[in-house]
């Protein structure tokens, strides 16, 4: 039983690590660090993660995650997520969450801007993130 439990826990840790992996700055490609410094020169005390093959830089605020910028391994900008108060979300999002995710509460919110300049909103609920377009229309669950 202990062996099975240990094996299951090991798989859980591996699965979690595959989703988002904390990195030391030395493990981040120079092109990525240069791209961050060029695009966001005021970014300091940056924490790095590797997620879905890309590199995510987190910085700012009390939690150190008020800003999360994502870059490809070659340094191409993918998107930035800036934390916002839940009350700043478009007014249609909270009712959508209440109707479609019974009992779920929005824990965090962010305004996403992608490389093309398009705006989205991201909300974190138990079980994942919900993505909405700039008008608050549901796009997908991430």
C-alpha atoms as a PDB file:
ATOM      1  CA  UNK A   1       0.000   0.000   0.000  1.00  0.00           C
ATOM      2  CA  UNK A   2       2.791   2.438   0.908  1.00  0.00           C
ATOM      3  CA  UNK A   3       4.526   1.689  -2.383  1.00  0.00           C
ATOM      4  CA  UNK A   4       1.336   2.387  -4.352  1.00  0.00           C
ATOM      5  CA  UNK A   5       0.696   5.601  -2.426  1.00  0.00           C
ATOM      6  CA  UNK A   6       4.272   6.767  -2.979  1.00  0.00           C
ATOM      7  CA  UNK A   7       4.016   5.967  -6.671  1.00  0.00           C
ATOM      8  CA  UNK A   8       0.739   7.893  -7.000  1.00  0.00           C
ATOM      9  CA  UNK A   9       2.161  10.871  -5.125  1.00  0.00           C
ATOM     10  CA  UNK A  10       5.213  10.797  -7.397  1.00  0.00           C
ATOM     11  CA  UNK A  11       3.014  10.908 -10.483  1.00  0.00           C
ATOM     12  CA  UNK A  12       1.087  13.817  -8.965  1.00  0.00           C
ATOM     13  CA  UNK A  13       4.285  15.787  -8.426  1.00  0.00           C
ATOM     14  CA  UNK A  14       5.447  15.020 -11.961  1.00  0.00           C
ATOM     15  CA  UNK A  15       2.104  16.112 -13.411  1.00  0.00           C
ATOM     16  CA  UNK A  16       2.213  19.358 -11.430  1.00  0.00           C
ATOM     17  CA  UNK A  17       5.798  19.985 -12.503  1.00  0.00           C
ATOM     18  CA  UNK A  18       4.818  19.447 -16.133  1.00  0.00           C
ATOM     19  CA  UNK A  19       2.187  22.176 -15.863  1.00  0.00           C
ATOM     20  CA  UNK A  20       4.386  24.863 -14.327  1.00  0.00           C
ATOM     21  CA  UNK A  21       7.982  24.482 -13.325  1.00  0.00           C
ATOM     22  CA  UNK A  22       9.842  27.046 -11.212  1.00  0.00           C
ATOM     23  CA  UNK A  23      13.174  27.986 -12.739  1.00  0.00           C
ATOM     24  CA  UNK A  24      16.340  29.650 -11.570  1.00  0.00           C
ATOM     25  CA  UNK A  25      17.353  32.681 -13.661  1.00  0.00           C
ATOM     26  CA  UNK A  26      20.402  30.764 -14.941  1.00  0.00           C
ATOM     27  CA  UNK A  27      18.008  28.216 -16.499  1.00  0.00           C
ATOM     28  CA  UNK A  28      16.183  30.845 -18.574  1.00  0.00           C
ATOM     29  CA  UNK A  29      17.544  31.445 -22.103  1.00  0.00           C
ATOM     30  CA  UNK A  30      19.425  34.716 -22.578  1.00  0.00           C
ATOM     31  CA  UNK A  31      17.054  35.641 -25.429  1.00  0.00           C
ATOM     32  CA  UNK A  32      14.090  35.410 -23.053  1.00  0.00           C
ATOM     33  CA  UNK A  33      15.727  37.464 -20.301  1.00  0.00           C
ATOM     34  CA  UNK A  34      16.803  40.074 -22.874  1.00  0.00           C
ATOM     35  CA  UNK A  35      13.280  40.258 -24.309  1.00  0.00           C
ATOM     36  CA  UNK A  36      11.840  40.841 -20.829  1.00  0.00           C
ATOM     37  CA  UNK A  37      14.408  43.556 -20.038  1.00  0.00           C
ATOM     38  CA  UNK A  38      13.702  45.268 -23.353  1.00  0.00           C
ATOM     39  CA  UNK A  39       9.896  45.153 -23.140  1.00  0.00           C
ATOM     40  CA  UNK A  40       9.556  45.695 -19.371  1.00  0.00           C
ATOM     41  CA  UNK A  41      12.721  47.466 -18.144  1.00  0.00           C
ATOM     42  CA  UNK A  42      11.165  48.249 -14.736  1.00  0.00           C
ATOM     43  CA  UNK A  43      10.581  44.548 -13.968  1.00  0.00           C
ATOM     44  CA  UNK A  44      12.551  43.572 -10.868  1.00  0.00           C
ATOM     45  CA  UNK A  45      12.671  40.635  -8.479  1.00  0.00           C
ATOM     46  CA  UNK A  46      11.479  38.395 -11.298  1.00  0.00           C
ATOM     47  CA  UNK A  47      10.480  34.796 -10.625  1.00  0.00           C
ATOM     48  CA  UNK A  48      10.571  32.439 -13.598  1.00  0.00           C
ATOM     49  CA  UNK A  49       8.413  29.467 -14.523  1.00  0.00           C
ATOM     50  CA  UNK A  50       8.344  27.212 -17.525  1.00  0.00           C
ATOM     51  CA  UNK A  51       4.834  26.454 -18.678  1.00  0.00           C
ATOM     52  CA  UNK A  52       3.686  24.659 -21.828  1.00  0.00           C
ATOM     53  CA  UNK A  53       7.153  25.078 -23.342  1.00  0.00           C
ATOM     54  CA  UNK A  54       7.237  28.847 -22.820  1.00  0.00           C
ATOM     55  CA  UNK A  55       8.864  30.999 -20.148  1.00  0.00           C
ATOM     56  CA  UNK A  56       6.794  33.072 -17.734  1.00  0.00           C
ATOM     57  CA  UNK A  57       8.255  36.001 -15.817  1.00  0.00           C
ATOM     58  CA  UNK A  58       6.359  37.057 -12.673  1.00  0.00           C
ATOM     59  CA  UNK A  59       7.005  40.283 -10.795  1.00  0.00           C
ATOM     60  CA  UNK A  60       5.435  43.099  -8.796  1.00  0.00           C
ATOM     61  CA  UNK A  61       3.018  43.462  -5.928  1.00  0.00           C
ATOM     62  CA  UNK A  62       2.953  41.738  -2.547  1.00  0.00           C
ATOM     63  CA  UNK A  63       2.708  38.267  -4.062  1.00  0.00           C
ATOM     64  CA  UNK A  64       5.316  38.976  -6.725  1.00  0.00           C
ATOM     65  CA  UNK A  65       2.757  38.102  -9.391  1.00  0.00           C
ATOM     66  CA  UNK A  66       1.014  41.355 -10.271  1.00  0.00           C
ATOM     67  CA  UNK A  67       2.523  40.976 -13.747  1.00  0.00           C
ATOM     68  CA  UNK A  68       3.093  37.750 -15.667  1.00  0.00           C
ATOM     69  CA  UNK A  69       4.710  38.035 -19.083  1.00  0.00           C
ATOM     70  CA  UNK A  70       5.094  34.980 -21.306  1.00  0.00           C
ATOM     71  CA  UNK A  71       7.821  34.529 -23.931  1.00  0.00           C
ATOM     72  CA  UNK A  72       8.700  31.706 -26.312  1.00  0.00           C
ATOM     73  CA  UNK A  73      12.125  30.036 -25.919  1.00  0.00           C
ATOM     74  CA  UNK A  74      13.459  32.359 -28.652  1.00  0.00           C
ATOM     75  CA  UNK A  75      12.279  35.469 -26.776  1.00  0.00           C
ATOM     76  CA  UNK A  76       9.141  36.259 -28.786  1.00  0.00           C
ATOM     77  CA  UNK A  77       6.508  37.975 -26.656  1.00  0.00           C
ATOM     78  CA  UNK A  78       3.294  35.955 -26.241  1.00  0.00           C
ATOM     79  CA  UNK A  79       1.221  37.873 -23.665  1.00  0.00           C
ATOM     80  CA  UNK A  80       1.154  39.764 -20.405  1.00  0.00           C
ATOM     81  CA  UNK A  81      -1.350  39.304 -17.606  1.00  0.00           C
ATOM     82  CA  UNK A  82      -1.745  42.197 -15.183  1.00  0.00           C
ATOM     83  CA  UNK A  83      -3.590  41.458 -11.950  1.00  0.00           C
ATOM     84  CA  UNK A  84      -6.717  43.574 -11.490  1.00  0.00           C
ATOM     85  CA  UNK A  85      -9.336  43.840  -8.755  1.00  0.00           C
ATOM     86  CA  UNK A  86     -12.238  41.458  -9.367  1.00  0.00           C
ATOM     87  CA  UNK A  87     -14.539  44.497  -9.334  1.00  0.00           C
ATOM     88  CA  UNK A  88     -12.748  45.799 -12.463  1.00  0.00           C
ATOM     89  CA  UNK A  89     -13.893  42.845 -14.591  1.00  0.00           C
ATOM     90  CA  UNK A  90     -16.580  43.517 -17.212  1.00  0.00           C
ATOM     91  CA  UNK A  91     -19.979  43.345 -15.491  1.00  0.00           C
ATOM     92  CA  UNK A  92     -21.114  40.235 -17.444  1.00  0.00           C
ATOM     93  CA  UNK A  93     -18.377  37.944 -16.072  1.00  0.00           C
ATOM     94  CA  UNK A  94     -19.541  37.445 -12.455  1.00  0.00           C
ATOM     95  CA  UNK A  95     -23.102  36.468 -13.501  1.00  0.00           C
ATOM     96  CA  UNK A  96     -21.688  34.073 -16.123  1.00  0.00           C
ATOM     97  CA  UNK A  97     -19.528  32.358 -13.499  1.00  0.00           C
ATOM     98  CA  UNK A  98     -22.488  32.126 -11.077  1.00  0.00           C
ATOM     99  CA  UNK A  99     -24.731  30.518 -13.707  1.00  0.00           C
ATOM    100  CA  UNK A 100     -22.247  28.153 -15.368  1.00  0.00           C
ATOM    101  CA  UNK A 101     -20.029  27.244 -12.390  1.00  0.00           C
ATOM    102  CA  UNK A 102     -22.472  26.857  -9.499  1.00  0.00           C
ATOM    103  CA  UNK A 103     -20.905  27.760  -6.178  1.00  0.00           C
ATOM    104  CA  UNK A 104     -17.611  28.874  -7.748  1.00  0.00           C
ATOM    105  CA  UNK A 105     -16.059  32.094  -6.551  1.00  0.00           C
ATOM    106  CA  UNK A 106     -13.644  34.190  -8.549  1.00  0.00           C
ATOM    107  CA  UNK A 107     -10.375  34.111  -6.583  1.00  0.00           C
ATOM    108  CA  UNK A 108      -8.222  36.332  -8.822  1.00  0.00           C
ATOM    109  CA  UNK A 109      -8.605  38.352 -11.995  1.00  0.00           C
ATOM    110  CA  UNK A 110      -6.251  39.570 -14.682  1.00  0.00           C
ATOM    111  CA  UNK A 111      -6.283  41.665 -17.818  1.00  0.00           C
ATOM    112  CA  UNK A 112      -4.470  39.852 -20.623  1.00  0.00           C
ATOM    113  CA  UNK A 113      -2.898  41.576 -23.602  1.00  0.00           C
ATOM    114  CA  UNK A 114      -1.494  39.319 -26.310  1.00  0.00           C
ATOM    115  CA  UNK A 115       1.252  40.000 -28.859  1.00  0.00           C
ATOM    116  CA  UNK A 116      -1.291  41.398 -31.340  1.00  0.00           C
ATOM    117  CA  UNK A 117      -2.567  43.876 -28.726  1.00  0.00           C
ATOM    118  CA  UNK A 118      -5.874  42.057 -28.226  1.00  0.00           C
ATOM    119  CA  UNK A 119      -7.355  42.221 -24.714  1.00  0.00           C
ATOM    120  CA  UNK A 120      -8.863  39.338 -22.757  1.00  0.00           C
ATOM    121  CA  UNK A 121      -9.832  38.821 -19.137  1.00  0.00           C
ATOM    122  CA  UNK A 122      -8.769  35.841 -17.061  1.00  0.00           C
ATOM    123  CA  UNK A 123     -10.502  34.720 -13.890  1.00  0.00           C
ATOM    124  CA  UNK A 124      -9.263  32.048 -11.538  1.00  0.00           C
ATOM    125  CA  UNK A 125     -11.825  29.745  -9.969  1.00  0.00           C
ATOM    126  CA  UNK A 126     -11.398  26.407  -8.225  1.00  0.00           C
ATOM    127  CA  UNK A 127     -10.581  23.968 -10.999  1.00  0.00           C
ATOM    128  CA  UNK A 128      -9.006  26.319 -13.535  1.00  0.00           C
ATOM    129  CA  UNK A 129      -8.987  29.637 -15.305  1.00  0.00           C
ATOM    130  CA  UNK A 130     -11.816  31.084 -17.373  1.00  0.00           C
ATOM    131  CA  UNK A 131     -10.975  33.307 -20.326  1.00  0.00           C
ATOM    132  CA  UNK A 132     -13.312  36.060 -21.577  1.00  0.00           C
ATOM    133  CA  UNK A 133     -12.962  38.473 -24.493  1.00  0.00           C
ATOM    134  CA  UNK A 134     -12.648  42.246 -24.080  1.00  0.00           C
ATOM    135  CA  UNK A 135     -16.463  42.523 -23.802  1.00  0.00           C
ATOM    136  CA  UNK A 136     -16.758  39.885 -21.095  1.00  0.00           C
ATOM    137  CA  UNK A 137     -17.989  37.118 -23.401  1.00  0.00           C
ATOM    138  CA  UNK A 138     -16.811  33.643 -22.386  1.00  0.00           C
ATOM    139  CA  UNK A 139     -14.100  32.209 -24.678  1.00  0.00           C
ATOM    140  CA  UNK A 140     -12.754  29.056 -22.979  1.00  0.00           C
ATOM    141  CA  UNK A 141     -11.741  27.281 -19.816  1.00  0.00           C
ATOM    142  CA  UNK A 142      -7.992  26.896 -19.459  1.00  0.00           C
END
